[in-house]
N, C-alpha and C. Protein backbone atom coordinates (compact mmCIF):
# COMPACT_ATOMS: atom_id res chain seq x y z
N MET A 1 -61.71 -60.68 -88.64
CA MET A 1 -61.54 -60.44 -90.05
C MET A 1 -62.66 -59.54 -90.54
N LYS A 2 -62.30 -58.72 -91.51
CA LYS A 2 -63.30 -57.84 -92.10
C LYS A 2 -62.94 -57.61 -93.57
N LEU A 3 -63.93 -57.82 -94.43
CA LEU A 3 -63.75 -57.57 -95.86
C LEU A 3 -64.10 -56.11 -96.10
N ASN A 4 -63.10 -55.32 -96.48
CA ASN A 4 -63.29 -53.88 -96.62
C ASN A 4 -63.87 -53.50 -97.97
N ARG A 5 -63.03 -53.33 -98.94
CA ARG A 5 -63.44 -52.90 -100.25
C ARG A 5 -63.30 -54.07 -101.20
N TRP A 6 -64.28 -54.20 -102.09
CA TRP A 6 -64.15 -55.27 -103.06
C TRP A 6 -64.89 -54.92 -104.35
N THR A 7 -64.41 -55.51 -105.41
CA THR A 7 -65.06 -55.44 -106.72
C THR A 7 -65.52 -56.87 -107.02
N ARG A 8 -65.80 -57.16 -108.26
CA ARG A 8 -66.25 -58.52 -108.59
C ARG A 8 -65.17 -59.55 -108.32
N LEU A 9 -63.89 -59.21 -108.52
CA LEU A 9 -62.85 -60.23 -108.42
C LEU A 9 -61.76 -59.94 -107.40
N LYS A 10 -61.61 -58.72 -106.91
CA LYS A 10 -60.54 -58.38 -105.97
C LYS A 10 -61.12 -57.65 -104.77
N GLY A 11 -60.41 -57.80 -103.63
CA GLY A 11 -60.86 -57.12 -102.42
C GLY A 11 -59.72 -56.88 -101.47
N GLN A 12 -60.03 -56.23 -100.34
CA GLN A 12 -59.07 -55.97 -99.28
C GLN A 12 -59.62 -56.59 -98.01
N LEU A 13 -58.79 -57.39 -97.34
CA LEU A 13 -59.22 -58.09 -96.12
C LEU A 13 -58.34 -57.65 -94.96
N ASP A 14 -58.98 -57.24 -93.87
CA ASP A 14 -58.27 -56.92 -92.63
C ASP A 14 -58.18 -58.17 -91.79
N LEU A 15 -56.97 -58.62 -91.51
CA LEU A 15 -56.76 -59.80 -90.68
C LEU A 15 -56.37 -59.38 -89.28
N PRO A 16 -56.81 -60.13 -88.25
CA PRO A 16 -56.43 -59.79 -86.89
C PRO A 16 -54.91 -59.91 -86.69
N GLY A 17 -54.34 -58.95 -85.99
CA GLY A 17 -52.91 -58.99 -85.70
C GLY A 17 -52.03 -58.39 -86.78
N THR A 18 -52.63 -57.86 -87.85
CA THR A 18 -51.84 -57.22 -88.89
C THR A 18 -52.25 -55.76 -89.01
N ALA A 19 -51.29 -54.90 -89.35
CA ALA A 19 -51.57 -53.48 -89.42
C ALA A 19 -52.14 -53.07 -90.79
N GLU A 20 -51.79 -53.81 -91.83
CA GLU A 20 -52.23 -53.42 -93.17
C GLU A 20 -53.25 -54.42 -93.72
N SER A 21 -54.04 -53.95 -94.67
CA SER A 21 -54.99 -54.83 -95.34
C SER A 21 -54.27 -55.76 -96.30
N THR A 22 -54.81 -56.93 -96.49
CA THR A 22 -54.25 -57.90 -97.40
C THR A 22 -55.12 -57.98 -98.63
N GLU A 23 -54.52 -57.96 -99.82
CA GLU A 23 -55.30 -58.07 -101.06
C GLU A 23 -55.73 -59.52 -101.25
N VAL A 24 -57.00 -59.71 -101.57
CA VAL A 24 -57.53 -61.06 -101.80
C VAL A 24 -58.20 -61.10 -103.17
N GLN A 25 -58.34 -62.31 -103.69
CA GLN A 25 -58.95 -62.50 -104.99
C GLN A 25 -60.10 -63.49 -104.86
N ARG A 26 -61.24 -63.16 -105.45
CA ARG A 26 -62.39 -64.06 -105.37
C ARG A 26 -62.17 -65.22 -106.35
N VAL A 27 -62.31 -66.43 -105.85
CA VAL A 27 -62.10 -67.62 -106.68
C VAL A 27 -63.40 -68.39 -106.94
N ASP A 28 -64.45 -68.12 -106.17
CA ASP A 28 -65.71 -68.83 -106.40
C ASP A 28 -66.84 -68.05 -105.75
N CYS A 29 -68.02 -68.16 -106.32
CA CYS A 29 -69.23 -67.61 -105.71
C CYS A 29 -70.42 -68.46 -106.14
N TYR A 30 -71.35 -68.67 -105.23
CA TYR A 30 -72.52 -69.46 -105.54
C TYR A 30 -73.63 -69.13 -104.55
N THR A 31 -74.84 -69.60 -104.83
CA THR A 31 -75.96 -69.39 -103.96
C THR A 31 -76.46 -70.75 -103.47
N LYS A 32 -76.52 -70.90 -102.16
CA LYS A 32 -77.03 -72.13 -101.57
C LYS A 32 -78.54 -71.98 -101.38
N PRO A 33 -79.32 -72.95 -101.82
CA PRO A 33 -80.77 -72.85 -101.62
C PRO A 33 -81.12 -73.02 -100.14
N ALA A 34 -82.28 -72.54 -99.79
CA ALA A 34 -82.76 -72.70 -98.40
C ALA A 34 -83.10 -74.17 -98.16
N ARG A 35 -82.78 -74.66 -96.95
CA ARG A 35 -83.07 -76.06 -96.63
C ARG A 35 -84.48 -76.22 -96.06
N TRP A 36 -84.96 -75.20 -95.38
CA TRP A 36 -86.27 -75.25 -94.75
C TRP A 36 -87.09 -74.05 -95.20
N PHE A 37 -88.38 -74.10 -95.05
CA PHE A 37 -89.25 -73.03 -95.57
C PHE A 37 -89.03 -71.69 -94.89
N TRP A 38 -88.50 -71.67 -93.65
CA TRP A 38 -88.32 -70.41 -92.95
C TRP A 38 -86.95 -69.79 -93.24
N GLN A 39 -86.10 -70.49 -93.92
CA GLN A 39 -84.78 -69.95 -94.23
C GLN A 39 -84.80 -69.20 -95.58
N THR A 40 -83.81 -68.35 -95.74
CA THR A 40 -83.64 -67.66 -97.02
C THR A 40 -82.42 -68.21 -97.73
N LEU A 41 -82.25 -67.84 -98.99
CA LEU A 41 -81.07 -68.26 -99.75
C LEU A 41 -79.82 -67.73 -99.06
N GLU A 42 -78.71 -68.44 -99.23
CA GLU A 42 -77.44 -68.02 -98.68
C GLU A 42 -76.47 -67.72 -99.82
N GLU A 43 -75.96 -66.47 -99.84
CA GLU A 43 -74.95 -66.10 -100.82
C GLU A 43 -73.58 -66.47 -100.25
N VAL A 44 -72.73 -67.12 -101.05
CA VAL A 44 -71.42 -67.55 -100.57
C VAL A 44 -70.36 -67.10 -101.59
N GLU A 45 -69.27 -66.55 -101.07
CA GLU A 45 -68.12 -66.17 -101.88
C GLU A 45 -66.87 -66.74 -101.24
N ILE A 46 -65.97 -67.26 -102.04
CA ILE A 46 -64.68 -67.80 -101.55
C ILE A 46 -63.59 -66.85 -102.03
N TRP A 47 -62.80 -66.35 -101.07
CA TRP A 47 -61.70 -65.43 -101.35
C TRP A 47 -60.38 -66.08 -101.02
N ALA A 48 -59.38 -65.92 -101.90
CA ALA A 48 -58.06 -66.53 -101.69
C ALA A 48 -57.03 -65.46 -101.34
N LEU A 49 -56.25 -65.73 -100.30
CA LEU A 49 -55.12 -64.86 -99.92
C LEU A 49 -53.91 -65.25 -100.75
N PRO A 50 -52.93 -64.34 -100.85
CA PRO A 50 -51.72 -64.64 -101.65
C PRO A 50 -50.97 -65.87 -101.16
N ASP A 51 -51.06 -66.22 -99.86
CA ASP A 51 -50.34 -67.38 -99.33
C ASP A 51 -51.10 -68.70 -99.52
N GLY A 52 -52.24 -68.67 -100.16
CA GLY A 52 -52.98 -69.89 -100.45
C GLY A 52 -54.16 -70.18 -99.53
N ARG A 53 -54.23 -69.49 -98.38
CA ARG A 53 -55.36 -69.71 -97.48
C ARG A 53 -56.64 -69.14 -98.11
N GLN A 54 -57.78 -69.65 -97.71
CA GLN A 54 -59.04 -69.21 -98.26
C GLN A 54 -60.00 -68.79 -97.16
N VAL A 55 -60.82 -67.79 -97.49
CA VAL A 55 -61.82 -67.26 -96.56
C VAL A 55 -63.19 -67.44 -97.21
N ARG A 56 -64.15 -67.94 -96.43
CA ARG A 56 -65.53 -68.11 -96.91
C ARG A 56 -66.35 -66.96 -96.37
N ALA A 57 -66.98 -66.20 -97.24
CA ALA A 57 -67.87 -65.11 -96.87
C ALA A 57 -69.29 -65.53 -97.22
N SER A 58 -70.21 -65.42 -96.26
CA SER A 58 -71.59 -65.82 -96.54
C SER A 58 -72.55 -64.86 -95.86
N ARG A 59 -73.73 -64.76 -96.44
CA ARG A 59 -74.80 -63.95 -95.83
C ARG A 59 -76.15 -64.46 -96.30
N ARG A 60 -77.14 -64.27 -95.45
CA ARG A 60 -78.52 -64.64 -95.74
C ARG A 60 -79.36 -63.37 -95.76
N GLY A 61 -80.09 -63.18 -96.82
CA GLY A 61 -80.98 -62.03 -96.91
C GLY A 61 -80.21 -60.73 -96.80
N GLY A 62 -80.70 -59.80 -95.97
CA GLY A 62 -80.09 -58.51 -95.82
C GLY A 62 -79.06 -58.42 -94.71
N GLU A 63 -78.69 -59.55 -94.13
CA GLU A 63 -77.71 -59.55 -93.04
C GLU A 63 -76.34 -59.22 -93.57
N GLY A 64 -75.42 -58.90 -92.66
CA GLY A 64 -74.05 -58.61 -93.04
C GLY A 64 -73.29 -59.89 -93.38
N TRP A 65 -72.10 -59.69 -93.93
CA TRP A 65 -71.26 -60.83 -94.32
C TRP A 65 -70.63 -61.48 -93.09
N LEU A 66 -70.65 -62.80 -93.04
CA LEU A 66 -70.01 -63.60 -92.01
C LEU A 66 -68.77 -64.23 -92.61
N LEU A 67 -67.59 -63.95 -92.05
CA LEU A 67 -66.33 -64.46 -92.60
C LEU A 67 -65.75 -65.59 -91.73
N ALA A 68 -65.25 -66.61 -92.39
CA ALA A 68 -64.63 -67.74 -91.67
C ALA A 68 -63.55 -68.34 -92.55
N TRP A 69 -62.53 -68.90 -91.90
CA TRP A 69 -61.50 -69.61 -92.66
C TRP A 69 -62.14 -70.83 -93.32
N ARG A 70 -61.78 -71.09 -94.55
CA ARG A 70 -62.36 -72.24 -95.26
C ARG A 70 -61.43 -73.43 -95.09
N ALA A 71 -62.02 -74.57 -94.75
CA ALA A 71 -61.24 -75.79 -94.60
C ALA A 71 -60.70 -76.24 -95.96
N ALA A 72 -59.47 -76.72 -95.96
CA ALA A 72 -58.84 -77.13 -97.21
C ALA A 72 -59.33 -78.49 -97.67
């Protein structure tokens, strides 16, 4: 999975096994505090696909976004 283009509320997600990008909508965003002194804050965004599935995008510091299916 790869989140291509996005604005504050809408984005395009490339899913494995599909030829075209899927439009997604951001439904939640928050910042998780660091649990230990060596960790940094974690930015989290929840994106919803038209079929109801959700993707969790997260990153710490300057790292890239890590995408995973969100458990229902």
